[in-house]
Amino acid sequence: KQIQDAGINVMANYVFGLPDDTMESMQETLDLAIDLNTEGFNAYPCMALPGSPLHKQARESGTPLPDSFEGYSFHSYECLPLPTKHLPAAAVLMFRDDAWQKYFSRPDYLDMIGRKFGPEARENVIEMAKVIEYIRSGDRLQLEINGEPASLYLRRHAEDRPWGIPCSCTDSPNNEDDPDSDQDFQGRGRCK
């Protein structure tokens, strides 16, 4: 607050999905970000980047890791962060995406941007926040980008399962031969 009061704009970066994170701890982090109401906000999933201690731990424990460099990109379609001790990777990504939407759609944030940078900047943020809109109906998560259906950041089976519930394909012996069964909801490689 003192930094902002001195006329310095703050860019804050947050990581969701640290090894001990729960929905509650990630919400506490988002609540802090909202309370700080900084001019800039970035949200990243916890990634086991090659060469890091987390990558070594993931390899040693058998935790699935991306099979391409795209999978290590924080915002790619193939993004595969680490699961936490309490949450699957898909839940971390969903929370991160929801946090981004919530942060940039808040009236107090938009008002601050309008006061500091003018009405055009405020409108730009409103338009930016419209790019990704989540529409939830029942247990199905549908993602729309500019009105076009997509399954951004979600693995095949995660897109039609409520998060926190294991994919039913893990009990089906037929999925071993299904080339589309590359990932179950819990983020465990090929469904078995």
C-alpha atoms as a PDB file:
ATOM      1  CA  LYS A   1       0.000   0.000   0.000  1.00  0.00           C
ATOM      2  CA  GLN A   2       2.816   2.432   0.858  1.00  0.00           C
ATOM      3  CA  ILE A   3       4.513   1.645  -2.442  1.00  0.00           C
ATOM      4  CA  GLN A   4       1.328   2.289  -4.401  1.00  0.00           C
ATOM      5  CA  ASP A   5       0.660   5.470  -2.387  1.00  0.00           C
ATOM      6  CA  ALA A   6       4.124   6.661  -3.464  1.00  0.00           C
ATOM      7  CA  GLY A   7       3.019   6.387  -7.109  1.00  0.00           C
ATOM      8  CA  ILE A   8       4.835   3.133  -7.885  1.00  0.00           C
ATOM      9  CA  ASN A   9       2.804   0.549  -9.793  1.00  0.00           C
ATOM     10  CA  VAL A  10       3.148  -2.991  -8.464  1.00  0.00           C
ATOM     11  CA  MET A  11       3.229  -6.175 -10.524  1.00  0.00           C
ATOM     12  CA  ALA A  12       2.532  -9.182  -8.278  1.00  0.00           C
ATOM     13  CA  ASN A  13       3.170 -12.805  -9.207  1.00  0.00           C
ATOM     14  CA  TYR A  14       1.508 -15.734  -7.456  1.00  0.00           C
ATOM     15  CA  VAL A  15       2.070 -19.499  -7.616  1.00  0.00           C
ATOM     16  CA  PHE A  16      -0.817 -21.892  -7.096  1.00  0.00           C
ATOM     17  CA  GLY A  17      -0.388 -25.604  -6.519  1.00  0.00           C
ATOM     18  CA  LEU A  18       2.637 -25.735  -4.237  1.00  0.00           C
ATOM     19  CA  PRO A  19       3.124 -29.249  -2.804  1.00  0.00           C
ATOM     20  CA  ASP A  20       1.053 -28.661   0.365  1.00  0.00           C
ATOM     21  CA  ASP A  21      -1.606 -26.463  -1.270  1.00  0.00           C
ATOM     22  CA  THR A  22      -5.289 -27.188  -0.754  1.00  0.00           C
ATOM     23  CA  MET A  23      -8.263 -25.332  -2.217  1.00  0.00           C
ATOM     24  CA  GLU A  24      -8.348 -23.356   1.022  1.00  0.00           C
ATOM     25  CA  SER A  25      -4.676 -22.329   0.925  1.00  0.00           C
ATOM     26  CA  MET A  26      -4.921 -21.324  -2.731  1.00  0.00           C
ATOM     27  CA  GLN A  27      -8.022 -19.281  -1.883  1.00  0.00           C
ATOM     28  CA  GLU A  28      -6.050 -17.567   0.923  1.00  0.00           C
ATOM     29  CA  THR A  29      -3.407 -16.620  -1.650  1.00  0.00           C
ATOM     30  CA  LEU A  30      -6.050 -15.244  -3.997  1.00  0.00           C
ATOM     31  CA  ASP A  31      -7.668 -13.360  -1.107  1.00  0.00           C
ATOM     32  CA  LEU A  32      -4.294 -11.754  -0.339  1.00  0.00           C
ATOM     33  CA  ALA A  33      -3.903 -10.736  -3.971  1.00  0.00           C
ATOM     34  CA  ILE A  34      -7.391  -9.214  -3.972  1.00  0.00           C
ATOM     35  CA  ASP A  35      -6.688  -7.360  -0.706  1.00  0.00           C
ATOM     36  CA  LEU A  36      -3.435  -5.949  -2.127  1.00  0.00           C
ATOM     37  CA  ASN A  37      -5.224  -4.934  -5.354  1.00  0.00           C
ATOM     38  CA  THR A  38      -1.993  -4.386  -7.293  1.00  0.00           C
ATOM     39  CA  GLU A  39      -1.985  -2.902 -10.787  1.00  0.00           C
ATOM     40  CA  GLY A  40      -0.561  -6.097 -12.249  1.00  0.00           C
ATOM     41  CA  PHE A  41      -1.391  -9.705 -11.416  1.00  0.00           C
ATOM     42  CA  ASN A  42       0.103 -12.931 -12.730  1.00  0.00           C
ATOM     43  CA  ALA A  43      -0.918 -16.410 -11.605  1.00  0.00           C
ATOM     44  CA  TYR A  44       1.180 -19.478 -12.333  1.00  0.00           C
ATOM     45  CA  PRO A  45       0.800 -23.172 -11.576  1.00  0.00           C
ATOM     46  CA  CYS A  46       3.643 -24.837  -9.693  1.00  0.00           C
ATOM     47  CA  MET A  47       5.817 -26.520 -12.299  1.00  0.00           C
ATOM     48  CA  ALA A  48       8.610 -29.062 -11.917  1.00  0.00           C
ATOM     49  CA  LEU A  49      10.956 -27.322 -14.327  1.00  0.00           C
ATOM     50  CA  PRO A  50      13.893 -29.392 -15.617  1.00  0.00           C
ATOM     51  CA  GLY A  51      16.919 -28.982 -13.393  1.00  0.00           C
ATOM     52  CA  SER A  52      14.901 -27.898 -10.357  1.00  0.00           C
ATOM     53  CA  PRO A  53      14.656 -29.818  -7.078  1.00  0.00           C
ATOM     54  CA  LEU A  54      10.918 -30.287  -7.760  1.00  0.00           C
ATOM     55  CA  HIS A  55      11.729 -31.956 -11.096  1.00  0.00           C
ATOM     56  CA  LYS A  56      14.143 -34.354  -9.403  1.00  0.00           C
ATOM     57  CA  GLN A  57      11.562 -35.169  -6.699  1.00  0.00           C
ATOM     58  CA  ALA A  58       8.836 -35.724  -9.318  1.00  0.00           C
ATOM     59  CA  ARG A  59      11.061 -38.085 -11.329  1.00  0.00           C
ATOM     60  CA  GLU A  60      12.033 -40.040  -8.210  1.00  0.00           C
ATOM     61  CA  SER A  61       8.417 -40.359  -7.018  1.00  0.00           C
ATOM     62  CA  GLY A  62       7.002 -41.281 -10.429  1.00  0.00           C
ATOM     63  CA  THR A  63       4.877 -38.132 -10.692  1.00  0.00           C
ATOM     64  CA  PRO A  64       3.905 -37.565 -14.344  1.00  0.00           C
ATOM     65  CA  LEU A  65       6.011 -34.928 -16.069  1.00  0.00           C
ATOM     66  CA  PRO A  66       5.454 -33.269 -19.439  1.00  0.00           C
ATOM     67  CA  ASP A  67       6.779 -35.201 -22.420  1.00  0.00           C
ATOM     68  CA  SER A  68       7.533 -32.030 -24.398  1.00  0.00           C
ATOM     69  CA  PHE A  69       8.792 -28.517 -23.692  1.00  0.00           C
ATOM     70  CA  GLU A  70       5.271 -27.227 -24.387  1.00  0.00           C
ATOM     71  CA  GLY A  71       4.103 -29.096 -21.311  1.00  0.00           C
ATOM     72  CA  TYR A  72       6.459 -27.002 -19.186  1.00  0.00           C
ATOM     73  CA  SER A  73       5.034 -23.740 -20.508  1.00  0.00           C
ATOM     74  CA  PHE A  74       2.904 -22.091 -17.819  1.00  0.00           C
ATOM     75  CA  HIS A  75       0.130 -21.060 -20.201  1.00  0.00           C
ATOM     76  CA  SER A  76       0.240 -23.615 -23.024  1.00  0.00           C
ATOM     77  CA  TYR A  77      -2.598 -25.976 -23.896  1.00  0.00           C
ATOM     78  CA  GLU A  78      -0.292 -28.840 -22.901  1.00  0.00           C
ATOM     79  CA  CYS A  79       0.624 -27.323 -19.517  1.00  0.00           C
ATOM     80  CA  LEU A  80       1.151 -30.108 -16.967  1.00  0.00           C
ATOM     81  CA  PRO A  81       1.872 -28.707 -13.517  1.00  0.00           C
ATOM     82  CA  LEU A  82       2.491 -30.797 -10.448  1.00  0.00           C
ATOM     83  CA  PRO A  83      -0.456 -32.136  -8.512  1.00  0.00           C
ATOM     84  CA  THR A  84      -0.413 -31.204  -4.828  1.00  0.00           C
ATOM     85  CA  LYS A  85      -0.633 -33.690  -1.979  1.00  0.00           C
ATOM     86  CA  HIS A  86      -4.354 -32.880  -1.915  1.00  0.00           C
ATOM     87  CA  LEU A  87      -5.359 -31.891  -5.473  1.00  0.00           C
ATOM     88  CA  PRO A  88      -4.928 -33.208  -9.011  1.00  0.00           C
ATOM     89  CA  ALA A  89      -3.050 -31.046 -11.516  1.00  0.00           C
ATOM     90  CA  ALA A  90      -6.265 -30.233 -13.398  1.00  0.00           C
ATOM     91  CA  ALA A  91      -7.799 -28.718 -10.238  1.00  0.00           C
ATOM     92  CA  VAL A  92      -4.738 -26.473  -9.810  1.00  0.00           C
ATOM     93  CA  LEU A  93      -5.058 -25.231 -13.383  1.00  0.00           C
ATOM     94  CA  MET A  94      -8.779 -24.659 -13.022  1.00  0.00           C
ATOM     95  CA  PHE A  95      -8.229 -22.661  -9.834  1.00  0.00           C
ATOM     96  CA  ARG A  96      -5.452 -20.624 -11.454  1.00  0.00           C
ATOM     97  CA  ASP A  97      -7.676 -19.789 -14.420  1.00  0.00           C
ATOM     98  CA  ASP A  98     -10.633 -18.891 -12.198  1.00  0.00           C
ATOM     99  CA  ALA A  99      -8.353 -16.709 -10.046  1.00  0.00           C
ATOM    100  CA  TRP A 100      -7.214 -14.813 -13.142  1.00  0.00           C
ATOM    101  CA  GLN A 101     -10.818 -14.214 -14.191  1.00  0.00           C
ATOM    102  CA  LYS A 102     -11.917 -13.126 -10.712  1.00  0.00           C
ATOM    103  CA  TYR A 103      -8.979 -10.776 -10.211  1.00  0.00           C
ATOM    104  CA  PHE A 104      -9.430  -8.843 -13.442  1.00  0.00           C
ATOM    105  CA  SER A 105     -13.242  -8.706 -13.272  1.00  0.00           C
ATOM    106  CA  ARG A 106     -13.568  -7.018  -9.869  1.00  0.00           C
ATOM    107  CA  PRO A 107     -15.162  -3.550  -9.791  1.00  0.00           C
ATOM    108  CA  ASP A 108     -12.592  -2.199  -7.294  1.00  0.00           C
ATOM    109  CA  TYR A 109      -9.744  -3.340  -9.561  1.00  0.00           C
ATOM    110  CA  LEU A 110     -11.392  -1.871 -12.650  1.00  0.00           C
ATOM    111  CA  ASP A 111     -12.065   1.411 -10.818  1.00  0.00           C
ATOM    112  CA  MET A 112      -8.414   1.626  -9.727  1.00  0.00           C
ATOM    113  CA  ILE A 113      -7.218   1.008 -13.296  1.00  0.00           C
ATOM    114  CA  GLY A 114      -9.618   3.681 -14.566  1.00  0.00           C
ATOM    115  CA  ARG A 115      -8.374   6.246 -12.020  1.00  0.00           C
ATOM    116  CA  LYS A 116      -4.671   5.508 -12.618  1.00  0.00           C
ATOM    117  CA  PHE A 117      -4.552   4.854 -16.345  1.00  0.00           C
ATOM    118  CA  GLY A 118      -7.785   6.250 -17.760  1.00  0.00           C
ATOM    119  CA  PRO A 119     -11.059   4.907 -19.150  1.00  0.00           C
ATOM    120  CA  GLU A 120      -9.448   3.332 -22.213  1.00  0.00           C
ATOM    121  CA  ALA A 121      -7.170   1.158 -20.042  1.00  0.00           C
ATOM    122  CA  ARG A 122     -10.179   0.158 -17.925  1.00  0.00           C
ATOM    123  CA  GLU A 123     -12.097  -0.891 -21.038  1.00  0.00           C
ATOM    124  CA  ASN A 124      -9.072  -2.846 -22.287  1.00  0.00           C
ATOM    125  CA  VAL A 125      -9.033  -4.866 -19.055  1.00  0.00           C
ATOM    126  CA  ILE A 126     -12.769  -5.526 -19.356  1.00  0.00           C
ATOM    127  CA  GLU A 127     -12.257  -6.795 -22.916  1.00  0.00           C
ATOM    128  CA  MET A 128      -9.239  -8.875 -21.851  1.00  0.00           C
ATOM    129  CA  ALA A 129     -11.314 -10.547 -19.139  1.00  0.00           C
ATOM    130  CA  LYS A 130     -13.985 -11.446 -21.719  1.00  0.00           C
ATOM    131  CA  VAL A 131     -11.527 -13.458 -23.799  1.00  0.00           C
ATOM    132  CA  ILE A 132     -11.895 -16.461 -21.529  1.00  0.00           C
ATOM    133  CA  GLU A 133     -15.305 -17.107 -20.017  1.00  0.00           C
ATOM    134  CA  TYR A 134     -16.202 -20.198 -18.065  1.00  0.00           C
ATOM    135  CA  ILE A 135     -19.670 -21.593 -18.321  1.00  0.00           C
ATOM    136  CA  ARG A 136     -20.523 -24.342 -15.852  1.00  0.00           C
ATOM    137  CA  SER A 137     -23.617 -26.419 -16.359  1.00  0.00           C
ATOM    138  CA  GLY A 138     -24.102 -29.397 -14.038  1.00  0.00           C
ATOM    139  CA  ASP A 139     -20.950 -31.472 -13.781  1.00  0.00           C
ATOM    140  CA  ARG A 140     -19.583 -30.397 -17.167  1.00  0.00           C
ATOM    141  CA  LEU A 141     -17.041 -27.627 -17.507  1.00  0.00           C
ATOM    142  CA  GLN A 142     -17.172 -25.906 -20.863  1.00  0.00           C
ATOM    143  CA  LEU A 143     -14.641 -23.281 -21.798  1.00  0.00           C
ATOM    144  CA  GLU A 144     -15.325 -20.663 -24.420  1.00  0.00           C
ATOM    145  CA  ILE A 145     -12.783 -18.419 -26.102  1.00  0.00           C
ATOM    146  CA  ASN A 146     -14.459 -15.641 -28.039  1.00  0.00           C
ATOM    147  CA  GLY A 147     -17.604 -17.732 -28.120  1.00  0.00           C
ATOM    148  CA  GLU A 148     -15.897 -20.842 -29.531  1.00  0.00           C
ATOM    149  CA  PRO A 149     -15.967 -24.057 -27.435  1.00  0.00           C
ATOM    150  CA  ALA A 150     -12.537 -25.240 -26.286  1.00  0.00           C
ATOM    151  CA  SER A 151     -10.956 -27.314 -23.533  1.00  0.00           C
ATOM    152  CA  LEU A 152      -8.058 -25.049 -22.687  1.00  0.00           C
ATOM    153  CA  TYR A 153      -5.691 -26.285 -19.962  1.00  0.00           C
ATOM    154  CA  LEU A 154      -7.719 -29.423 -19.320  1.00  0.00           C
ATOM    155  CA  ARG A 155      -6.743 -32.967 -20.201  1.00  0.00           C
ATOM    156  CA  ARG A 156      -9.158 -35.098 -22.227  1.00  0.00           C
ATOM    157  CA  HIS A 157     -11.044 -36.727 -19.373  1.00  0.00           C
ATOM    158  CA  ALA A 158     -10.846 -33.732 -17.055  1.00  0.00           C
ATOM    159  CA  GLU A 159     -13.065 -31.731 -19.396  1.00  0.00           C
ATOM    160  CA  ASP A 160     -16.147 -33.801 -18.590  1.00  0.00           C
ATOM    161  CA  ARG A 161     -15.540 -34.796 -14.982  1.00  0.00           C
ATOM    162  CA  PRO A 162     -16.095 -32.617 -11.923  1.00  0.00           C
ATOM    163  CA  TRP A 163     -12.674 -31.965 -10.434  1.00  0.00           C
ATOM    164  CA  GLY A 164     -11.771 -33.998  -7.421  1.00  0.00           C
ATOM    165  CA  ILE A 165     -13.526 -37.106  -8.786  1.00  0.00           C
ATOM    166  CA  PRO A 166     -11.268 -39.723 -10.405  1.00  0.00           C
ATOM    167  CA  CYS A 167     -11.854 -40.537 -14.035  1.00  0.00           C
ATOM    168  CA  SER A 168     -13.961 -43.691 -14.489  1.00  0.00           C
ATOM    169  CA  CYS A 169     -11.622 -44.826 -17.260  1.00  0.00           C
ATOM    170  CA  THR A 170      -9.121 -45.982 -14.615  1.00  0.00           C
ATOM    171  CA  ASP A 171     -11.418 -48.968 -13.981  1.00  0.00           C
ATOM    172  CA  SER A 172     -11.910 -49.829 -17.646  1.00  0.00           C
ATOM    173  CA  PRO A 173      -9.478 -52.355 -19.181  1.00  0.00           C
ATOM    174  CA  ASN A 174     -10.424 -51.266 -22.723  1.00  0.00           C
ATOM    175  CA  ASN A 175      -8.758 -47.861 -22.503  1.00  0.00           C
ATOM    176  CA  GLU A 176      -5.254 -49.263 -22.825  1.00  0.00           C
ATOM    177  CA  ASP A 177      -5.824 -49.531 -26.572  1.00  0.00           C
ATOM    178  CA  ASP A 178      -7.622 -46.184 -26.912  1.00  0.00           C
ATOM    179  CA  PRO A 179      -5.177 -43.627 -28.405  1.00  0.00           C
ATOM    180  CA  ASP A 180      -7.323 -40.801 -27.034  1.00  0.00           C
ATOM    181  CA  SER A 181      -6.974 -42.051 -23.444  1.00  0.00           C
ATOM    182  CA  ASP A 182      -3.682 -40.306 -22.834  1.00  0.00           C
ATOM    183  CA  GLN A 183      -4.414 -38.800 -19.427  1.00  0.00           C
ATOM    184  CA  ASP A 184      -6.774 -39.572 -16.597  1.00  0.00           C
ATOM    185  CA  PHE A 185      -8.354 -36.923 -14.400  1.00  0.00           C
ATOM    186  CA  GLN A 186      -5.841 -37.293 -11.610  1.00  0.00           C
ATOM    187  CA  GLY A 187      -3.011 -36.489 -14.046  1.00  0.00           C
ATOM    188  CA  ARG A 188      -1.595 -40.028 -14.046  1.00  0.00           C
ATOM    189  CA  GLY A 189      -0.291 -40.713 -17.547  1.00  0.00           C
ATOM    190  CA  ARG A 190      -2.148 -43.228 -19.689  1.00  0.00           C
ATOM    191  CA  CYS A 191      -5.379 -44.544 -18.179  1.00  0.00           C
ATOM    192  CA  LYS A 192      -5.036 -48.136 -16.902  1.00  0.00           C
END
